[in-house]
Amino acid sequence: MGTSGHGEKLTRRQEQAIAALLNYRTLEAAAQSVGIGKNTLWRWLREPSFRERFQEARDRILDSTVLRLQNASGEAVETLRCALNCGNPLAAIKAAEILLEQLFKTMETRIRAGNALKDMLQVPQVVTKVYTGEEEAPPKLELTRPTDEEFRTFKTLAGKVTPP
């Protein structure tokens, strides 16, 4: 059982509800399996300690699933590579299609991640230029004037970060 990050111990029924939320498709089904009402489960989900424990449990499952997929990915790629040369043109075409599609998705993900990182690294410089009046705030970006301490922090960060 233990305690949550907020120091509040969950009841046995709440622990069961978390397990049910992870195993049933609907809130109603999860609540029913534990013998509580849907409204009770909704109320628990609004409590920080319950919500945090539920999110931790869900994250553990996701991490485990990703690890299993990573472990199987080498075999999957090798199977597709074998299918390329299996003598069956339709199977080879399908294998090539799958490999190329996954390659493009991976490349797109890397590009997006790189762009997001580049944008994050430029934030201190943008804030500094807006604060000093060198630039207008970009459209759709609402910046309030930082305190002198915040400005010093941003200026320090801007001096340490070089954009990619």
C-alpha atoms as a PDB file:
ATOM      1  CA  MET A   1       0.000   0.000   0.000  1.00  0.00           C
ATOM      2  CA  GLY A   2       2.464   2.699   1.113  1.00  0.00           C
ATOM      3  CA  THR A   3       1.953   6.409   0.863  1.00  0.00           C
ATOM      4  CA  SER A   4       1.523   8.622  -2.113  1.00  0.00           C
ATOM      5  CA  GLY A   5       3.724  11.515  -3.085  1.00  0.00           C
ATOM      6  CA  HIS A   6       1.455  13.769  -1.033  1.00  0.00           C
ATOM      7  CA  GLY A   7       2.003  11.634   2.066  1.00  0.00           C
ATOM      8  CA  GLU A   8      -1.562  10.336   2.112  1.00  0.00           C
ATOM      9  CA  LYS A   9      -2.094   6.612   2.341  1.00  0.00           C
ATOM     10  CA  LEU A  10      -4.673   5.205  -0.049  1.00  0.00           C
ATOM     11  CA  THR A  11      -7.297   2.780   1.160  1.00  0.00           C
ATOM     12  CA  ARG A  12      -7.372  -0.821  -0.020  1.00  0.00           C
ATOM     13  CA  ARG A  13     -10.462   0.013  -2.076  1.00  0.00           C
ATOM     14  CA  GLN A  14      -8.664   2.951  -3.725  1.00  0.00           C
ATOM     15  CA  GLU A  15      -5.717   0.697  -4.610  1.00  0.00           C
ATOM     16  CA  GLN A  16      -8.201  -1.757  -6.134  1.00  0.00           C
ATOM     17  CA  ALA A  17      -9.822   1.104  -8.046  1.00  0.00           C
ATOM     18  CA  ILE A  18      -6.466   2.068  -9.564  1.00  0.00           C
ATOM     19  CA  ALA A  19      -5.951  -1.516 -10.721  1.00  0.00           C
ATOM     20  CA  ALA A  20      -9.481  -1.546 -12.131  1.00  0.00           C
ATOM     21  CA  LEU A  21      -8.925   1.729 -13.998  1.00  0.00           C
ATOM     22  CA  LEU A  22      -5.929   0.128 -15.668  1.00  0.00           C
ATOM     23  CA  ASN A  23      -7.838  -3.019 -16.624  1.00  0.00           C
ATOM     24  CA  TYR A  24     -11.294  -1.847 -17.684  1.00  0.00           C
ATOM     25  CA  ARG A  25     -12.254   0.242 -20.702  1.00  0.00           C
ATOM     26  CA  THR A  26     -14.767   2.507 -18.953  1.00  0.00           C
ATOM     27  CA  LEU A  27     -14.971   4.315 -15.665  1.00  0.00           C
ATOM     28  CA  GLU A  28     -18.317   2.649 -14.980  1.00  0.00           C
ATOM     29  CA  ALA A  29     -16.912  -0.841 -15.491  1.00  0.00           C
ATOM     30  CA  ALA A  30     -13.904  -0.079 -13.277  1.00  0.00           C
ATOM     31  CA  ALA A  31     -16.119   1.302 -10.515  1.00  0.00           C
ATOM     32  CA  GLN A  32     -18.531  -1.614 -10.737  1.00  0.00           C
ATOM     33  CA  SER A  33     -15.708  -4.175 -10.535  1.00  0.00           C
ATOM     34  CA  VAL A  34     -14.573  -2.665  -7.229  1.00  0.00           C
ATOM     35  CA  GLY A  35     -18.089  -2.255  -5.890  1.00  0.00           C
ATOM     36  CA  ILE A  36     -18.185   1.538  -5.801  1.00  0.00           C
ATOM     37  CA  GLY A  37     -20.213   4.124  -7.656  1.00  0.00           C
ATOM     38  CA  LYS A  38     -18.977   5.968 -10.715  1.00  0.00           C
ATOM     39  CA  ASN A  39     -19.300   9.290  -8.865  1.00  0.00           C
ATOM     40  CA  THR A  40     -17.052   8.010  -6.085  1.00  0.00           C
ATOM     41  CA  LEU A  41     -14.416   7.052  -8.608  1.00  0.00           C
ATOM     42  CA  TRP A  42     -14.716  10.481 -10.280  1.00  0.00           C
ATOM     43  CA  ARG A  43     -14.276  12.143  -6.891  1.00  0.00           C
ATOM     44  CA  TRP A  44     -11.187  10.032  -6.150  1.00  0.00           C
ATOM     45  CA  LEU A  45      -9.701  10.924  -9.530  1.00  0.00           C
ATOM     46  CA  ARG A  46      -9.935  14.608  -8.572  1.00  0.00           C
ATOM     47  CA  GLU A  47      -7.938  13.993  -5.382  1.00  0.00           C
ATOM     48  CA  PRO A  48      -4.241  14.764  -5.969  1.00  0.00           C
ATOM     49  CA  SER A  49      -2.918  11.757  -4.044  1.00  0.00           C
ATOM     50  CA  PHE A  50      -5.183   9.270  -5.857  1.00  0.00           C
ATOM     51  CA  ARG A  51      -4.595  10.858  -9.259  1.00  0.00           C
ATOM     52  CA  GLU A  52      -0.828  10.846  -8.705  1.00  0.00           C
ATOM     53  CA  ARG A  53      -0.787   7.160  -7.760  1.00  0.00           C
ATOM     54  CA  PHE A  54      -2.971   6.313 -10.768  1.00  0.00           C
ATOM     55  CA  GLN A  55      -0.664   8.241 -13.112  1.00  0.00           C
ATOM     56  CA  GLU A  56       2.396   6.532 -11.599  1.00  0.00           C
ATOM     57  CA  ALA A  57       0.813   3.103 -12.151  1.00  0.00           C
ATOM     58  CA  ARG A  58      -0.140   4.006 -15.720  1.00  0.00           C
ATOM     59  CA  ASP A  59       3.375   5.311 -16.396  1.00  0.00           C
ATOM     60  CA  ARG A  60       4.913   2.066 -15.088  1.00  0.00           C
ATOM     61  CA  ILE A  61       2.743   0.052 -17.476  1.00  0.00           C
ATOM     62  CA  LEU A  62       3.628   2.321 -20.386  1.00  0.00           C
ATOM     63  CA  ASP A  63       7.345   2.127 -19.567  1.00  0.00           C
ATOM     64  CA  SER A  64       7.134  -1.652 -19.412  1.00  0.00           C
ATOM     65  CA  THR A  65       5.298  -1.811 -22.733  1.00  0.00           C
ATOM     66  CA  VAL A  66       7.818   0.463 -24.447  1.00  0.00           C
ATOM     67  CA  LEU A  67      10.689  -1.645 -23.095  1.00  0.00           C
ATOM     68  CA  ARG A  68       9.073  -4.846 -24.414  1.00  0.00           C
ATOM     69  CA  LEU A  69       8.551  -3.222 -27.823  1.00  0.00           C
ATOM     70  CA  GLN A  70      12.162  -2.057 -27.893  1.00  0.00           C
ATOM     71  CA  ASN A  71      13.363  -5.545 -27.035  1.00  0.00           C
ATOM     72  CA  ALA A  72      11.279  -7.063 -29.845  1.00  0.00           C
ATOM     73  CA  SER A  73      12.117  -4.404 -32.429  1.00  0.00           C
ATOM     74  CA  GLY A  74      15.371  -6.018 -33.503  1.00  0.00           C
ATOM     75  CA  GLU A  75      13.606  -9.298 -34.272  1.00  0.00           C
ATOM     76  CA  ALA A  76      10.814  -7.451 -36.067  1.00  0.00           C
ATOM     77  CA  VAL A  77      13.249  -5.602 -38.319  1.00  0.00           C
ATOM     78  CA  GLU A  78      15.159  -8.821 -39.008  1.00  0.00           C
ATOM     79  CA  THR A  79      11.881 -10.570 -39.921  1.00  0.00           C
ATOM     80  CA  LEU A  80      11.067  -7.762 -42.334  1.00  0.00           C
ATOM     81  CA  ARG A  81      14.582  -7.945 -43.774  1.00  0.00           C
ATOM     82  CA  CYS A  82      14.152 -11.685 -44.345  1.00  0.00           C
ATOM     83  CA  ALA A  83      10.798 -11.030 -46.013  1.00  0.00           C
ATOM     84  CA  LEU A  84      12.555  -8.717 -48.477  1.00  0.00           C
ATOM     85  CA  ASN A  85      14.452 -11.714 -49.835  1.00  0.00           C
ATOM     86  CA  CYS A  86      11.932 -14.501 -49.310  1.00  0.00           C
ATOM     87  CA  GLY A  87      11.178 -15.009 -52.997  1.00  0.00           C
ATOM     88  CA  ASN A  88       7.607 -13.788 -52.661  1.00  0.00           C
ATOM     89  CA  PRO A  89       7.389 -10.421 -54.435  1.00  0.00           C
ATOM     90  CA  LEU A  90       4.216  -9.359 -52.589  1.00  0.00           C
ATOM     91  CA  ALA A  91       5.757 -10.121 -49.200  1.00  0.00           C
ATOM     92  CA  ALA A  92       8.952  -8.312 -50.189  1.00  0.00           C
ATOM     93  CA  ILE A  93       7.017  -5.231 -51.317  1.00  0.00           C
ATOM     94  CA  LYS A  94       4.984  -5.171 -48.093  1.00  0.00           C
ATOM     95  CA  ALA A  95       8.134  -5.597 -45.961  1.00  0.00           C
ATOM     96  CA  ALA A  96       9.877  -2.767 -47.843  1.00  0.00           C
ATOM     97  CA  GLU A  97       6.807  -0.561 -47.407  1.00  0.00           C
ATOM     98  CA  ILE A  98       6.722  -1.197 -43.646  1.00  0.00           C
ATOM     99  CA  LEU A  99      10.457  -0.593 -43.226  1.00  0.00           C
ATOM    100  CA  LEU A 100      10.379   2.661 -45.182  1.00  0.00           C
ATOM    101  CA  GLU A 101       7.253   3.890 -43.392  1.00  0.00           C
ATOM    102  CA  GLN A 102       8.868   3.288 -40.007  1.00  0.00           C
ATOM    103  CA  LEU A 103      12.085   4.951 -41.148  1.00  0.00           C
ATOM    104  CA  PHE A 104      10.185   8.064 -42.240  1.00  0.00           C
ATOM    105  CA  LYS A 105       8.184   8.178 -39.003  1.00  0.00           C
ATOM    106  CA  THR A 106      11.372   7.904 -36.971  1.00  0.00           C
ATOM    107  CA  MET A 107      13.045  10.660 -38.967  1.00  0.00           C
ATOM    108  CA  GLU A 108       9.982  12.904 -38.604  1.00  0.00           C
ATOM    109  CA  THR A 109       9.919  12.345 -34.850  1.00  0.00           C
ATOM    110  CA  ARG A 110      13.611  13.214 -34.563  1.00  0.00           C
ATOM    111  CA  ILE A 111      13.134  16.378 -36.614  1.00  0.00           C
ATOM    112  CA  ARG A 112      10.182  17.471 -34.459  1.00  0.00           C
ATOM    113  CA  ALA A 113      12.108  16.763 -31.260  1.00  0.00           C
ATOM    114  CA  GLY A 114      15.085  18.740 -32.590  1.00  0.00           C
ATOM    115  CA  ASN A 115      12.855  21.675 -33.525  1.00  0.00           C
ATOM    116  CA  ALA A 116      11.198  21.638 -30.094  1.00  0.00           C
ATOM    117  CA  LEU A 117      14.611  21.644 -28.410  1.00  0.00           C
ATOM    118  CA  LYS A 118      15.796  24.500 -30.628  1.00  0.00           C
ATOM    119  CA  ASP A 119      12.678  26.514 -29.738  1.00  0.00           C
ATOM    120  CA  MET A 120      13.171  25.863 -26.012  1.00  0.00           C
ATOM    121  CA  LEU A 121      16.804  26.960 -26.179  1.00  0.00           C
ATOM    122  CA  GLN A 122      15.778  30.254 -27.788  1.00  0.00           C
ATOM    123  CA  VAL A 123      13.240  31.216 -25.095  1.00  0.00           C
ATOM    124  CA  PRO A 124      15.749  32.959 -22.765  1.00  0.00           C
ATOM    125  CA  GLN A 125      17.088  35.026 -25.668  1.00  0.00           C
ATOM    126  CA  VAL A 126      13.605  36.038 -26.838  1.00  0.00           C
ATOM    127  CA  VAL A 127      12.624  37.028 -23.306  1.00  0.00           C
ATOM    128  CA  THR A 128      15.804  39.090 -22.934  1.00  0.00           C
ATOM    129  CA  LYS A 129      15.202  40.912 -26.233  1.00  0.00           C
ATOM    130  CA  VAL A 130      11.566  41.617 -25.366  1.00  0.00           C
ATOM    131  CA  TYR A 131      12.530  42.817 -21.880  1.00  0.00           C
ATOM    132  CA  THR A 132      15.197  45.180 -23.198  1.00  0.00           C
ATOM    133  CA  GLY A 133      12.913  46.432 -25.963  1.00  0.00           C
ATOM    134  CA  GLU A 134      15.098  45.086 -28.780  1.00  0.00           C
ATOM    135  CA  GLU A 135      12.146  43.094 -30.123  1.00  0.00           C
ATOM    136  CA  GLU A 136       8.386  42.993 -29.902  1.00  0.00           C
ATOM    137  CA  ALA A 137       6.806  39.951 -28.302  1.00  0.00           C
ATOM    138  CA  PRO A 138       6.054  37.390 -31.010  1.00  0.00           C
ATOM    139  CA  PRO A 139       2.400  37.118 -32.009  1.00  0.00           C
ATOM    140  CA  LYS A 140       0.354  34.766 -29.827  1.00  0.00           C
ATOM    141  CA  LEU A 141       3.053  34.918 -27.159  1.00  0.00           C
ATOM    142  CA  GLU A 142       1.941  36.923 -24.184  1.00  0.00           C
ATOM    143  CA  LEU A 143       4.873  37.909 -22.063  1.00  0.00           C
ATOM    144  CA  THR A 144       4.603  39.925 -18.922  1.00  0.00           C
ATOM    145  CA  ARG A 145       7.512  42.018 -17.842  1.00  0.00           C
ATOM    146  CA  PRO A 146       9.707  39.863 -15.596  1.00  0.00           C
ATOM    147  CA  THR A 147      11.036  41.059 -12.286  1.00  0.00           C
ATOM    148  CA  ASP A 148      14.643  42.264 -12.197  1.00  0.00           C
ATOM    149  CA  GLU A 149      15.655  38.959 -10.606  1.00  0.00           C
ATOM    150  CA  GLU A 150      13.893  36.965 -13.339  1.00  0.00           C
ATOM    151  CA  PHE A 151      15.546  39.113 -15.978  1.00  0.00           C
ATOM    152  CA  ARG A 152      18.999  38.477 -14.486  1.00  0.00           C
ATOM    153  CA  THR A 153      18.266  34.751 -14.509  1.00  0.00           C
ATOM    154  CA  PHE A 154      17.106  34.829 -18.137  1.00  0.00           C
ATOM    155  CA  LYS A 155      20.114  36.915 -19.130  1.00  0.00           C
ATOM    156  CA  THR A 156      22.420  34.419 -17.452  1.00  0.00           C
ATOM    157  CA  LEU A 157      20.704  31.541 -19.217  1.00  0.00           C
ATOM    158  CA  ALA A 158      20.806  33.331 -22.553  1.00  0.00           C
ATOM    159  CA  GLY A 159      24.549  33.829 -22.161  1.00  0.00           C
ATOM    160  CA  LYS A 160      25.114  30.129 -21.443  1.00  0.00           C
ATOM    161  CA  VAL A 161      22.912  28.715 -24.201  1.00  0.00           C
ATOM    162  CA  THR A 162      23.936  28.728 -27.814  1.00  0.00           C
ATOM    163  CA  PRO A 163      21.173  27.922 -30.270  1.00  0.00           C
ATOM    164  CA  PRO A 164      21.740  24.857 -32.444  1.00  0.00           C
END
